[in-house]
Amino acid sequence: MNRDELVFGVAGSTATPAVPVALAEAGLREREHLQEWVLAHPEMLGTDVLVITSEFDRWMSREGREADRLDVLGLDADGRLVVAELKRDQAPDFVTLQAVKYAAMASRFEVDQLADAYLTFHSRENDAPTTAEEALAVLRTHAPGLSSETLRSPRIVLIAGSFPTTLTSSVVWLGEQGIDFTLIQVGAYRLGNTHLVTVSQVWPPPEAEDFVVAPSRAERVTKTPTTVPEVPWTLEDLARLSTSATSSTILATMDLCAAAPGEWIGGDQVMERTGREKNAHRGDYGGFSITLRRRFNRSNTPYEMNYAVGDTPQQYYRLSPEITQMWQELRPQQEDSSKTNI
């Protein structure tokens, strides 16, 4: 597949064309560079993808342990697994079969096994979950509809320097059979003494995605039963929440929502208020679900959640009129401060 994009370096009115080069020519490697980019920027795998693990090789069959190693495994907000295979240069034809094999193996994950994989991979990070229960809470916060059923139909992302037509024709046919493939091309350019890297989706093409791929991306969201009840929030409950050791992320969510009654507040806006890093931000919400169960004996949050109700795909939050009024009574100064910062 030929690269038809043009890349320029711009200085005032002067545009200098960058020279396309192979990733290998730019000194870039598959694991050391390409894989690390994906882990640091999981948006390369699609909108709102949480990295579960990388280099996963704990596969077991009836014959014993299998030697396969999966490049990157993610989870999207719908609770579907994202199986990613990376190739620095032109993707070989066999990578489609390899990716389908990994998707089939990953589809046998159960929710608790997925939480264990997340816990193991992220254990060395700051603010990482320390127990399987906390890891599971992070996953459920990211994907509220997560269940064994949603894990049964992974989508596949192939990232490579280029794709031959023999591969793309196979991917198109496999998509027609219901196997969800996305092809991401990574290009390198030389501009003076520096290199630039571009990342672009080449299949499905954006203008055809709703018509060609949507049938194979049917949402399979199943409500997960809770072990603790949903209980209406009272002024006393909210007072405990506002004065206890609640994370800054949850307090900021409440303050920002109370300052804009009836409006949806994006997670990015909350992160801007707290200054928390993205993974820590998500972990705060996951940890809050544990707090709700342990300290408040309930499963429902004081705020509503809805994904992508705004212009940017992200998790959004809103308070009901009743909770807004109670929270404003409890934290009037924070509410006034929030108004001035929106």
C-alpha atoms as a PDB file:
ATOM      1  CA  MET A   1       0.000   0.000   0.000  1.00  0.00           C
ATOM      2  CA  ASN A   2       1.609   3.228  -1.133  1.00  0.00           C
ATOM      3  CA  ARG A   3       1.903   6.161   1.213  1.00  0.00           C
ATOM      4  CA  ASP A   4       0.245   9.191  -0.417  1.00  0.00           C
ATOM      5  CA  GLU A   5       0.513  11.727   2.404  1.00  0.00           C
ATOM      6  CA  LEU A   6       2.719  14.803   2.235  1.00  0.00           C
ATOM      7  CA  VAL A   7       4.521  16.011   5.360  1.00  0.00           C
ATOM      8  CA  PHE A   8       6.140  19.426   5.674  1.00  0.00           C
ATOM      9  CA  GLY A   9       8.198  21.258   8.231  1.00  0.00           C
ATOM     10  CA  VAL A  10       6.953  24.836   8.455  1.00  0.00           C
ATOM     11  CA  ALA A  11       8.890  27.968   9.420  1.00  0.00           C
ATOM     12  CA  GLY A  12       6.835  31.062   8.778  1.00  0.00           C
ATOM     13  CA  SER A  13       5.890  31.147   5.086  1.00  0.00           C
ATOM     14  CA  THR A  14       8.394  28.428   4.172  1.00  0.00           C
ATOM     15  CA  ALA A  15       7.251  24.800   3.972  1.00  0.00           C
ATOM     16  CA  THR A  16      10.031  22.214   3.659  1.00  0.00           C
ATOM     17  CA  PRO A  17       8.946  18.747   2.508  1.00  0.00           C
ATOM     18  CA  ALA A  18       9.979  15.864   4.735  1.00  0.00           C
ATOM     19  CA  VAL A  19      11.529  12.863   2.983  1.00  0.00           C
ATOM     20  CA  PRO A  20       9.773   9.512   3.515  1.00  0.00           C
ATOM     21  CA  VAL A  21      12.066   6.796   4.849  1.00  0.00           C
ATOM     22  CA  ALA A  22      11.577   3.262   6.125  1.00  0.00           C
ATOM     23  CA  LEU A  23      11.273   2.837   9.877  1.00  0.00           C
ATOM     24  CA  ALA A  24      14.405   0.691   9.800  1.00  0.00           C
ATOM     25  CA  GLU A  25      16.282   3.428   7.930  1.00  0.00           C
ATOM     26  CA  ALA A  26      15.282   5.849  10.703  1.00  0.00           C
ATOM     27  CA  GLY A  27      16.847   3.472  13.249  1.00  0.00           C
ATOM     28  CA  LEU A  28      13.487   2.511  14.750  1.00  0.00           C
ATOM     29  CA  ARG A  29      12.851  -0.973  16.128  1.00  0.00           C
ATOM     30  CA  GLU A  30       9.697  -2.978  16.642  1.00  0.00           C
ATOM     31  CA  ARG A  31       9.744  -3.617  20.390  1.00  0.00           C
ATOM     32  CA  GLU A  32      12.046  -0.862  21.556  1.00  0.00           C
ATOM     33  CA  HIS A  33      10.182   1.910  19.742  1.00  0.00           C
ATOM     34  CA  LEU A  34       6.913   0.946  18.013  1.00  0.00           C
ATOM     35  CA  GLN A  35       5.628  -1.159  20.901  1.00  0.00           C
ATOM     36  CA  GLU A  36       6.579   1.475  23.476  1.00  0.00           C
ATOM     37  CA  TRP A  37       4.716   4.129  21.485  1.00  0.00           C
ATOM     38  CA  VAL A  38       1.561   2.031  21.581  1.00  0.00           C
ATOM     39  CA  LEU A  39       1.870   1.457  25.327  1.00  0.00           C
ATOM     40  CA  ALA A  40       2.394   5.174  25.954  1.00  0.00           C
ATOM     41  CA  HIS A  41      -0.310   6.239  23.484  1.00  0.00           C
ATOM     42  CA  PRO A  42      -3.011   3.535  23.388  1.00  0.00           C
ATOM     43  CA  GLU A  43      -5.167   5.860  21.280  1.00  0.00           C
ATOM     44  CA  MET A  44      -3.160   4.353  18.409  1.00  0.00           C
ATOM     45  CA  LEU A  45      -5.364   1.282  18.922  1.00  0.00           C
ATOM     46  CA  GLY A  46      -8.616   3.239  18.819  1.00  0.00           C
ATOM     47  CA  THR A  47     -10.723   5.549  20.911  1.00  0.00           C
ATOM     48  CA  ASP A  48     -10.523   5.064  24.687  1.00  0.00           C
ATOM     49  CA  VAL A  49      -8.457   1.871  24.848  1.00  0.00           C
ATOM     50  CA  LEU A  50      -6.940   0.787  28.169  1.00  0.00           C
ATOM     51  CA  VAL A  51      -3.748  -1.282  27.898  1.00  0.00           C
ATOM     52  CA  ILE A  52      -4.159  -4.535  29.811  1.00  0.00           C
ATOM     53  CA  THR A  53      -0.791  -6.166  29.180  1.00  0.00           C
ATOM     54  CA  SER A  54       2.073  -6.539  26.707  1.00  0.00           C
ATOM     55  CA  GLU A  55       4.238  -9.459  25.676  1.00  0.00           C
ATOM     56  CA  PHE A  56       1.671 -11.773  27.246  1.00  0.00           C
ATOM     57  CA  ASP A  57       2.785 -15.408  27.019  1.00  0.00           C
ATOM     58  CA  ARG A  58       0.862 -17.273  29.721  1.00  0.00           C
ATOM     59  CA  TRP A  59      -1.183 -19.497  27.414  1.00  0.00           C
ATOM     60  CA  MET A  60      -2.150 -23.012  28.397  1.00  0.00           C
ATOM     61  CA  SER A  61      -3.642 -25.842  26.374  1.00  0.00           C
ATOM     62  CA  ARG A  62      -4.393 -29.471  27.151  1.00  0.00           C
ATOM     63  CA  GLU A  63      -0.862 -30.297  26.007  1.00  0.00           C
ATOM     64  CA  GLY A  64       0.681 -27.744  28.363  1.00  0.00           C
ATOM     65  CA  ARG A  65       2.092 -24.256  28.059  1.00  0.00           C
ATOM     66  CA  GLU A  66       2.089 -22.626  24.612  1.00  0.00           C
ATOM     67  CA  ALA A  67       5.042 -20.481  23.512  1.00  0.00           C
ATOM     68  CA  ASP A  68       3.046 -17.736  21.760  1.00  0.00           C
ATOM     69  CA  ARG A  69       3.627 -14.114  22.773  1.00  0.00           C
ATOM     70  CA  LEU A  70       0.982 -11.420  22.162  1.00  0.00           C
ATOM     71  CA  ASP A  71       2.362  -7.937  21.450  1.00  0.00           C
ATOM     72  CA  VAL A  72      -0.315  -5.787  23.125  1.00  0.00           C
ATOM     73  CA  LEU A  73      -3.698  -6.551  24.646  1.00  0.00           C
ATOM     74  CA  GLY A  74      -6.135  -3.730  25.349  1.00  0.00           C
ATOM     75  CA  LEU A  75      -9.729  -3.213  26.466  1.00  0.00           C
ATOM     76  CA  ASP A  76     -12.082  -0.688  24.919  1.00  0.00           C
ATOM     77  CA  ALA A  77     -14.873   1.174  26.690  1.00  0.00           C
ATOM     78  CA  ASP A  78     -17.477  -1.306  25.383  1.00  0.00           C
ATOM     79  CA  GLY A  79     -15.757  -4.172  27.182  1.00  0.00           C
ATOM     80  CA  ARG A  80     -14.247  -5.688  24.030  1.00  0.00           C
ATOM     81  CA  LEU A  81     -10.669  -6.884  23.915  1.00  0.00           C
ATOM     82  CA  VAL A  82      -8.265  -5.252  21.466  1.00  0.00           C
ATOM     83  CA  VAL A  83      -5.622  -7.650  20.139  1.00  0.00           C
ATOM     84  CA  ALA A  84      -2.714  -5.758  18.560  1.00  0.00           C
ATOM     85  CA  GLU A  85       0.071  -7.184  16.397  1.00  0.00           C
ATOM     86  CA  LEU A  86       2.987  -4.919  15.467  1.00  0.00           C
ATOM     87  CA  LYS A  87       5.347  -5.142  12.495  1.00  0.00           C
ATOM     88  CA  ARG A  88       7.981  -2.493  11.926  1.00  0.00           C
ATOM     89  CA  ASP A  89       8.279  -3.076   8.176  1.00  0.00           C
ATOM     90  CA  GLN A  90       5.803  -4.351   5.622  1.00  0.00           C
ATOM     91  CA  ALA A  91       3.376  -6.752   7.296  1.00  0.00           C
ATOM     92  CA  PRO A  92       3.781 -10.325   6.019  1.00  0.00           C
ATOM     93  CA  ASP A  93       0.734 -12.161   4.680  1.00  0.00           C
ATOM     94  CA  PHE A  94       0.753 -14.655   7.552  1.00  0.00           C
ATOM     95  CA  VAL A  95       0.172 -11.933  10.175  1.00  0.00           C
ATOM     96  CA  THR A  96      -3.598 -12.104   9.542  1.00  0.00           C
ATOM     97  CA  LEU A  97      -3.651 -15.769  10.549  1.00  0.00           C
ATOM     98  CA  GLN A  98      -1.370 -15.016  13.489  1.00  0.00           C
ATOM     99  CA  ALA A  99      -3.655 -12.235  14.689  1.00  0.00           C
ATOM    100  CA  VAL A 100      -6.786 -14.380  14.331  1.00  0.00           C
ATOM    101  CA  LYS A 101      -5.068 -17.087  16.396  1.00  0.00           C
ATOM    102  CA  TYR A 102      -4.264 -14.595  19.179  1.00  0.00           C
ATOM    103  CA  ALA A 103      -7.815 -13.213  19.082  1.00  0.00           C
ATOM    104  CA  ALA A 104      -9.189 -16.743  19.448  1.00  0.00           C
ATOM    105  CA  MET A 105      -6.888 -17.404  22.407  1.00  0.00           C
ATOM    106  CA  ALA A 106      -7.636 -14.058  24.060  1.00  0.00           C
ATOM    107  CA  SER A 107     -11.391 -14.580  23.676  1.00  0.00           C
ATOM    108  CA  ARG A 108     -11.141 -17.295  26.360  1.00  0.00           C
ATOM    109  CA  PHE A 109     -10.193 -14.732  29.019  1.00  0.00           C
ATOM    110  CA  GLU A 110     -12.566 -14.488  31.936  1.00  0.00           C
ATOM    111  CA  VAL A 111     -13.024 -11.138  33.646  1.00  0.00           C
ATOM    112  CA  ASP A 112     -11.059 -12.129  36.758  1.00  0.00           C
ATOM    113  CA  GLN A 113      -8.160 -13.438  34.617  1.00  0.00           C
ATOM    114  CA  LEU A 114      -8.106 -10.161  32.728  1.00  0.00           C
ATOM    115  CA  ALA A 115      -7.907  -8.259  36.029  1.00  0.00           C
ATOM    116  CA  ASP A 116      -4.971 -10.471  37.094  1.00  0.00           C
ATOM    117  CA  ALA A 117      -3.169  -9.731  33.818  1.00  0.00           C
ATOM    118  CA  TYR A 118      -3.729  -5.986  34.311  1.00  0.00           C
ATOM    119  CA  LEU A 119      -2.527  -6.174  37.920  1.00  0.00           C
ATOM    120  CA  THR A 120       0.669  -8.031  36.962  1.00  0.00           C
ATOM    121  CA  PHE A 121       1.588  -5.753  34.060  1.00  0.00           C
ATOM    122  CA  HIS A 122       0.920  -2.448  35.836  1.00  0.00           C
ATOM    123  CA  SER A 123       2.292  -3.445  39.257  1.00  0.00           C
ATOM    124  CA  ARG A 124       5.372  -1.212  39.034  1.00  0.00           C
ATOM    125  CA  GLU A 125       3.494   1.971  38.152  1.00  0.00           C
ATOM    126  CA  ASN A 126       2.688   4.718  40.617  1.00  0.00           C
ATOM    127  CA  ASP A 127      -0.865   4.556  41.962  1.00  0.00           C
ATOM    128  CA  ALA A 128      -1.285   1.095  40.421  1.00  0.00           C
ATOM    129  CA  PRO A 129      -3.844  -1.275  41.958  1.00  0.00           C
ATOM    130  CA  THR A 130      -2.354  -3.596  44.540  1.00  0.00           C
ATOM    131  CA  THR A 131      -5.061  -6.269  44.658  1.00  0.00           C
ATOM    132  CA  ALA A 132      -7.086  -8.175  42.092  1.00  0.00           C
ATOM    133  CA  GLU A 133     -10.227  -6.511  43.456  1.00  0.00           C
ATOM    134  CA  GLU A 134      -8.793  -3.051  42.824  1.00  0.00           C
ATOM    135  CA  ALA A 135      -7.628  -4.053  39.328  1.00  0.00           C
ATOM    136  CA  LEU A 136     -11.114  -5.345  38.547  1.00  0.00           C
ATOM    137  CA  ALA A 137     -12.584  -2.057  39.746  1.00  0.00           C
ATOM    138  CA  VAL A 138     -10.326  -0.165  37.316  1.00  0.00           C
ATOM    139  CA  LEU A 139     -11.501  -2.367  34.436  1.00  0.00           C
ATOM    140  CA  ARG A 140     -15.172  -1.971  35.332  1.00  0.00           C
ATOM    141  CA  THR A 141     -14.771   1.782  35.622  1.00  0.00           C
ATOM    142  CA  HIS A 142     -13.202   1.893  32.173  1.00  0.00           C
ATOM    143  CA  ALA A 143     -15.785  -0.501  30.686  1.00  0.00           C
ATOM    144  CA  PRO A 144     -18.996  -0.522  32.771  1.00  0.00           C
ATOM    145  CA  GLY A 145     -20.521  -3.253  30.593  1.00  0.00           C
ATOM    146  CA  LEU A 146     -17.536  -5.593  30.926  1.00  0.00           C
ATOM    147  CA  SER A 147     -18.546  -9.260  31.087  1.00  0.00           C
ATOM    148  CA  SER A 148     -17.453 -12.666  29.854  1.00  0.00           C
ATOM    149  CA  GLU A 149     -19.758 -12.155  26.888  1.00  0.00           C
ATOM    150  CA  THR A 150     -18.159  -8.891  25.742  1.00  0.00           C
ATOM    151  CA  LEU A 151     -14.714 -10.532  25.903  1.00  0.00           C
ATOM    152  CA  ARG A 152     -15.754 -13.256  23.456  1.00  0.00           C
ATOM    153  CA  SER A 153     -15.488 -11.025  20.386  1.00  0.00           C
ATOM    154  CA  PRO A 154     -12.109  -9.245  20.298  1.00  0.00           C
ATOM    155  CA  ARG A 155     -11.254  -6.781  17.592  1.00  0.00           C
ATOM    156  CA  ILE A 156      -7.884  -6.983  15.882  1.00  0.00           C
ATOM    157  CA  VAL A 157      -5.513  -4.107  15.158  1.00  0.00           C
ATOM    158  CA  LEU A 158      -2.514  -4.595  12.871  1.00  0.00           C
ATOM    159  CA  ILE A 159       0.126  -1.837  13.003  1.00  0.00           C
ATOM    160  CA  ALA A 160       2.871  -1.887  10.404  1.00  0.00           C
ATOM    161  CA  GLY A 161       5.038   0.214   8.126  1.00  0.00           C
ATOM    162  CA  SER A 162       2.984  -0.916   5.122  1.00  0.00           C
ATOM    163  CA  PHE A 163       0.490  -3.559   4.016  1.00  0.00           C
ATOM    164  CA  PRO A 164       0.640  -5.546   0.752  1.00  0.00           C
ATOM    165  CA  THR A 165      -2.565  -5.881  -1.260  1.00  0.00           C
ATOM    166  CA  THR A 166      -2.547  -9.639  -0.656  1.00  0.00           C
ATOM    167  CA  LEU A 167      -2.982  -8.861   3.048  1.00  0.00           C
ATOM    168  CA  THR A 168      -5.540  -6.084   2.650  1.00  0.00           C
ATOM    169  CA  SER A 169      -7.718  -8.253   0.423  1.00  0.00           C
ATOM    170  CA  SER A 170      -7.710 -10.940   3.123  1.00  0.00           C
ATOM    171  CA  VAL A 171      -8.615  -8.369   5.778  1.00  0.00           C
ATOM    172  CA  VAL A 172     -11.538  -7.067   3.707  1.00  0.00           C
ATOM    173  CA  TRP A 173     -12.861 -10.598   3.230  1.00  0.00           C
ATOM    174  CA  LEU A 174     -12.398 -11.490   6.901  1.00  0.00           C
ATOM    175  CA  GLY A 175     -14.315  -8.332   7.816  1.00  0.00           C
ATOM    176  CA  GLU A 176     -17.184  -9.472   5.630  1.00  0.00           C
ATOM    177  CA  GLN A 177     -17.181 -12.723   7.614  1.00  0.00           C
ATOM    178  CA  GLY A 178     -17.559 -10.781  10.879  1.00  0.00           C
ATOM    179  CA  ILE A 179     -13.942 -10.596  12.059  1.00  0.00           C
ATOM    180  CA  ASP A 180     -13.182  -7.022  13.070  1.00  0.00           C
ATOM    181  CA  PHE A 181      -9.854  -5.806  11.643  1.00  0.00           C
ATOM    182  CA  THR A 182      -8.259  -2.365  11.714  1.00  0.00           C
ATOM    183  CA  LEU A 183      -5.066  -1.565   9.813  1.00  0.00           C
ATOM    184  CA  ILE A 184      -2.848   1.235  11.145  1.00  0.00           C
ATOM    185  CA  GLN A 185       0.098   2.405   9.051  1.00  0.00           C
ATOM    186  CA  VAL A 186       3.121   4.018  10.684  1.00  0.00           C
ATOM    187  CA  GLY A 187       5.247   6.201   8.445  1.00  0.00           C
ATOM    188  CA  ALA A 188       8.664   7.755   9.079  1.00  0.00           C
ATOM    189  CA  TYR A 189      10.063  10.930   7.541  1.00  0.00           C
ATOM    190  CA  ARG A 190      13.405  12.671   7.660  1.00  0.00           C
ATOM    191  CA  LEU A 191      13.434  16.436   8.095  1.00  0.00           C
ATOM    192  CA  GLY A 192      16.956  17.760   8.400  1.00  0.00           C
ATOM    193  CA  ASN A 193      18.617  15.951  11.297  1.00  0.00           C
ATOM    194  CA  THR A 194      15.357  14.801  12.884  1.00  0.00           C
ATOM    195  CA  HIS A 195      12.737  12.184  12.137  1.00  0.00           C
ATOM    196  CA  LEU A 196       8.966  12.518  12.168  1.00  0.00           C
ATOM    197  CA  VAL A 197       6.491   9.661  12.597  1.00  0.00           C
ATOM    198  CA  THR A 198       2.901   9.602  11.332  1.00  0.00           C
ATOM    199  CA  VAL A 199       0.152   7.208  12.357  1.00  0.00           C
ATOM    200  CA  SER A 200      -2.900   6.772  10.133  1.00  0.00           C
ATOM    201  CA  GLN A 201      -5.764   4.326   9.799  1.00  0.00           C
ATOM    202  CA  VAL A 202      -5.871   2.807   6.335  1.00  0.00           C
ATOM    203  CA  TRP A 203      -8.641   0.259   6.911  1.00  0.00           C
ATOM    204  CA  PRO A 204     -11.498   0.639   7.303  1.00  0.00           C
ATOM    205  CA  PRO A 205     -11.406   3.985   5.492  1.00  0.00           C
ATOM    206  CA  PRO A 206     -13.178   6.622   7.594  1.00  0.00           C
ATOM    207  CA  GLU A 207     -15.837   7.343   4.959  1.00  0.00           C
ATOM    208  CA  ALA A 208     -16.796   3.642   4.697  1.00  0.00           C
ATOM    209  CA  GLU A 209     -16.573   2.627   8.350  1.00  0.00           C
ATOM    210  CA  ASP A 210     -20.245   3.066   9.254  1.00  0.00           C
ATOM    211  CA  PHE A 211     -21.384   1.032   6.251  1.00  0.00           C
ATOM    212  CA  VAL A 212     -18.772  -1.707   5.973  1.00  0.00           C
ATOM    213  CA  VAL A 213     -17.574  -2.392   9.499  1.00  0.00           C
ATOM    214  CA  ALA A 214     -20.450  -1.380  11.777  1.00  0.00           C
ATOM    215  CA  PRO A 215     -22.324  -4.726  11.448  1.00  0.00           C
ATOM    216  CA  SER A 216     -19.285  -6.586  12.835  1.00  0.00           C
ATOM    217  CA  ARG A 217     -18.931  -4.098  15.708  1.00  0.00           C
ATOM    218  CA  ALA A 218     -22.305  -4.703  17.313  1.00  0.00           C
ATOM    219  CA  GLU A 219     -22.317  -3.632  20.920  1.00  0.00           C
ATOM    220  CA  ARG A 220     -22.667  -6.488  23.371  1.00  0.00           C
ATOM    221  CA  VAL A 221     -23.106  -4.697  26.630  1.00  0.00           C
ATOM    222  CA  THR A 222     -24.458  -6.739  29.475  1.00  0.00           C
ATOM    223  CA  LYS A 223     -25.292  -5.270  32.829  1.00  0.00           C
ATOM    224  CA  THR A 224     -23.077  -6.788  35.490  1.00  0.00           C
ATOM    225  CA  PRO A 225     -24.930  -7.802  38.634  1.00  0.00           C
ATOM    226  CA  THR A 226     -23.740  -6.047  41.768  1.00  0.00           C
ATOM    227  CA  THR A 227     -23.192  -7.629  45.146  1.00  0.00           C
ATOM    228  CA  VAL A 228     -24.230  -4.500  47.027  1.00  0.00           C
ATOM    229  CA  PRO A 229     -27.431  -2.507  46.527  1.00  0.00           C
ATOM    230  CA  GLU A 230     -28.079   0.814  44.839  1.00  0.00           C
ATOM    231  CA  VAL A 231     -29.057   3.250  47.583  1.00  0.00           C
ATOM    232  CA  PRO A 232     -30.251   6.869  47.136  1.00  0.00           C
ATOM    233  CA  TRP A 233     -27.701   9.447  48.243  1.00  0.00           C
ATOM    234  CA  THR A 234     -28.649  11.591  51.227  1.00  0.00           C
ATOM    235  CA  LEU A 235     -27.206  14.827  52.562  1.00  0.00           C
ATOM    236  CA  GLU A 236     -25.574  12.837  55.366  1.00  0.00           C
ATOM    237  CA  ASP A 237     -23.950  10.444  52.867  1.00  0.00           C
ATOM    238  CA  LEU A 238     -22.592  13.313  50.795  1.00  0.00           C
ATOM    239  CA  ALA A 239     -21.282  15.036  53.912  1.00  0.00           C
ATOM    240  CA  ARG A 240     -19.309  11.884  54.751  1.00  0.00           C
ATOM    241  CA  LEU A 241     -18.023  11.798  51.190  1.00  0.00           C
ATOM    242  CA  SER A 242     -16.895  15.429  51.233  1.00  0.00           C
ATOM    243  CA  THR A 243     -15.066  15.186  54.554  1.00  0.00           C
ATOM    244  CA  SER A 244     -13.541  11.694  54.285  1.00  0.00           C
ATOM    245  CA  ALA A 245     -10.300  10.762  52.558  1.00  0.00           C
ATOM    246  CA  THR A 246     -11.887  10.934  49.109  1.00  0.00           C
ATOM    247  CA  SER A 247      -9.527  11.315  46.147  1.00  0.00           C
ATOM    248  CA  SER A 248      -9.103  14.715  44.533  1.00  0.00           C
ATOM    249  CA  THR A 249     -10.467  13.265  41.285  1.00  0.00           C
ATOM    250  CA  ILE A 250     -13.840  12.385  42.826  1.00  0.00           C
ATOM    251  CA  LEU A 251     -14.122  15.702  44.666  1.00  0.00           C
ATOM    252  CA  ALA A 252     -13.230  17.602  41.490  1.00  0.00           C
ATOM    253  CA  THR A 253     -15.838  15.624  39.564  1.00  0.00           C
ATOM    254  CA  MET A 254     -18.502  16.552  42.090  1.00  0.00           C
ATOM    255  CA  ASP A 255     -17.403  20.203  42.279  1.00  0.00           C
ATOM    256  CA  LEU A 256     -17.292  20.703  38.519  1.00  0.00           C
ATOM    257  CA  CYS A 257     -20.646  19.012  37.996  1.00  0.00           C
ATOM    258  CA  ALA A 258     -22.241  21.044  40.802  1.00  0.00           C
ATOM    259  CA  ALA A 259     -20.902  24.226  39.189  1.00  0.00           C
ATOM    260  CA  ALA A 260     -22.643  23.366  35.909  1.00  0.00           C
ATOM    261  CA  PRO A 261     -26.064  21.929  36.857  1.00  0.00           C
ATOM    262  CA  GLY A 262     -27.508  19.613  34.249  1.00  0.00           C
ATOM    263  CA  GLU A 263     -24.392  19.686  32.055  1.00  0.00           C
ATOM    264  CA  TRP A 264     -22.065  16.804  31.235  1.00  0.00           C
ATOM    265  CA  ILE A 265     -18.474  17.314  32.453  1.00  0.00           C
ATOM    266  CA  GLY A 266     -15.720  15.468  30.576  1.00  0.00           C
ATOM    267  CA  GLY A 267     -13.016  13.447  32.262  1.00  0.00           C
ATOM    268  CA  ASP A 268     -10.376  15.605  30.550  1.00  0.00           C
ATOM    269  CA  GLN A 269     -11.792  18.629  32.352  1.00  0.00           C
ATOM    270  CA  VAL A 270     -11.488  16.795  35.664  1.00  0.00           C
ATOM    271  CA  MET A 271      -7.863  15.858  34.877  1.00  0.00           C
ATOM    272  CA  GLU A 272      -7.107  19.489  34.046  1.00  0.00           C
ATOM    273  CA  ARG A 273      -8.455  20.489  37.466  1.00  0.00           C
ATOM    274  CA  THR A 274      -6.534  17.840  39.453  1.00  0.00           C
ATOM    275  CA  GLY A 275      -3.352  17.574  37.384  1.00  0.00           C
ATOM    276  CA  ARG A 276      -3.516  13.800  37.688  1.00  0.00           C
ATOM    277  CA  GLU A 277      -1.884  11.609  35.017  1.00  0.00           C
ATOM    278  CA  LYS A 278      -4.323   9.631  32.825  1.00  0.00           C
ATOM    279  CA  ASN A 279      -3.746   6.164  34.300  1.00  0.00           C
ATOM    280  CA  ALA A 280      -3.863   7.568  37.862  1.00  0.00           C
ATOM    281  CA  HIS A 281      -7.038   9.435  36.928  1.00  0.00           C
ATOM    282  CA  ARG A 282      -8.712   6.215  35.790  1.00  0.00           C
ATOM    283  CA  GLY A 283      -7.402   4.396  38.835  1.00  0.00           C
ATOM    284  CA  ASP A 284      -9.052   6.997  41.092  1.00  0.00           C
ATOM    285  CA  TYR A 285     -12.443   6.139  39.649  1.00  0.00           C
ATOM    286  CA  GLY A 286     -11.714   2.430  39.972  1.00  0.00           C
ATOM    287  CA  GLY A 287     -10.644   2.889  43.578  1.00  0.00           C
ATOM    288  CA  PHE A 288     -13.804   4.870  44.274  1.00  0.00           C
ATOM    289  CA  SER A 289     -15.919   1.860  43.356  1.00  0.00           C
ATOM    290  CA  ILE A 290     -14.121  -0.032  46.116  1.00  0.00           C
ATOM    291  CA  THR A 291     -14.758   2.852  48.545  1.00  0.00           C
ATOM    292  CA  LEU A 292     -18.447   2.773  47.685  1.00  0.00           C
ATOM    293  CA  ARG A 293     -18.707  -0.896  48.541  1.00  0.00           C
ATOM    294  CA  ARG A 294     -16.557  -0.895  51.651  1.00  0.00           C
ATOM    295  CA  ARG A 295     -17.422   2.414  53.311  1.00  0.00           C
ATOM    296  CA  PHE A 296     -20.833   3.264  51.936  1.00  0.00           C
ATOM    297  CA  ASN A 297     -22.257  -0.237  51.344  1.00  0.00           C
ATOM    298  CA  ARG A 298     -23.618   0.723  47.940  1.00  0.00           C
ATOM    299  CA  SER A 299     -22.801   0.198  44.286  1.00  0.00           C
ATOM    300  CA  ASN A 300     -24.087   3.453  42.777  1.00  0.00           C
ATOM    301  CA  THR A 301     -21.984   6.574  42.411  1.00  0.00           C
ATOM    302  CA  PRO A 302     -23.387   9.999  43.337  1.00  0.00           C
ATOM    303  CA  TYR A 303     -22.899  11.121  39.725  1.00  0.00           C
ATOM    304  CA  GLU A 304     -24.260   9.840  36.435  1.00  0.00           C
ATOM    305  CA  MET A 305     -21.878   8.558  33.774  1.00  0.00           C
ATOM    306  CA  ASN A 306     -22.234   8.488  30.012  1.00  0.00           C
ATOM    307  CA  TYR A 307     -19.633   7.845  27.360  1.00  0.00           C
ATOM    308  CA  ALA A 308     -19.140  10.227  24.422  1.00  0.00           C
ATOM    309  CA  VAL A 309     -22.183  12.457  24.940  1.00  0.00           C
ATOM    310  CA  GLY A 310     -19.971  15.441  24.079  1.00  0.00           C
ATOM    311  CA  ASP A 311     -17.795  16.390  21.133  1.00  0.00           C
ATOM    312  CA  THR A 312     -14.783  14.391  22.376  1.00  0.00           C
ATOM    313  CA  PRO A 313     -14.987  10.603  22.958  1.00  0.00           C
ATOM    314  CA  GLN A 314     -14.411  10.248  26.710  1.00  0.00           C
ATOM    315  CA  GLN A 315     -16.308   9.485  29.898  1.00  0.00           C
ATOM    316  CA  TYR A 316     -18.669  12.265  30.987  1.00  0.00           C
ATOM    317  CA  TYR A 317     -20.224  12.955  34.394  1.00  0.00           C
ATOM    318  CA  ARG A 318     -23.331  14.785  35.619  1.00  0.00           C
ATOM    319  CA  LEU A 319     -25.218  15.332  38.898  1.00  0.00           C
ATOM    320  CA  SER A 320     -28.943  15.124  39.352  1.00  0.00           C
ATOM    321  CA  PRO A 321     -30.672  18.358  40.453  1.00  0.00           C
ATOM    322  CA  GLU A 322     -31.196  16.944  43.964  1.00  0.00           C
ATOM    323  CA  ILE A 323     -27.560  15.954  44.475  1.00  0.00           C
ATOM    324  CA  THR A 324     -26.386  19.221  42.901  1.00  0.00           C
ATOM    325  CA  GLN A 325     -28.322  21.209  45.483  1.00  0.00           C
ATOM    326  CA  MET A 326     -27.050  19.148  48.398  1.00  0.00           C
ATOM    327  CA  TRP A 327     -23.431  19.306  47.205  1.00  0.00           C
ATOM    328  CA  GLN A 328     -23.613  23.079  46.763  1.00  0.00           C
ATOM    329  CA  GLU A 329     -24.828  23.385  50.353  1.00  0.00           C
ATOM    330  CA  LEU A 330     -21.927  21.248  51.587  1.00  0.00           C
ATOM    331  CA  ARG A 331     -19.156  22.827  49.488  1.00  0.00           C
ATOM    332  CA  PRO A 332     -20.276  26.328  48.469  1.00  0.00           C
ATOM    333  CA  GLN A 333     -16.743  27.744  48.220  1.00  0.00           C
ATOM    334  CA  GLN A 334     -15.548  24.911  45.971  1.00  0.00           C
ATOM    335  CA  GLU A 335     -18.648  25.284  43.834  1.00  0.00           C
ATOM    336  CA  ASP A 336     -18.066  29.014  43.386  1.00  0.00           C
ATOM    337  CA  SER A 337     -14.399  28.384  42.568  1.00  0.00           C
ATOM    338  CA  SER A 338     -15.402  25.801  39.967  1.00  0.00           C
ATOM    339  CA  LYS A 339     -17.600  28.345  38.215  1.00  0.00           C
ATOM    340  CA  THR A 340     -14.685  30.690  37.716  1.00  0.00           C
ATOM    341  CA  ASN A 341     -12.544  27.966  36.173  1.00  0.00           C
ATOM    342  CA  ILE A 342     -14.944  26.452  33.668  1.00  0.00           C
END
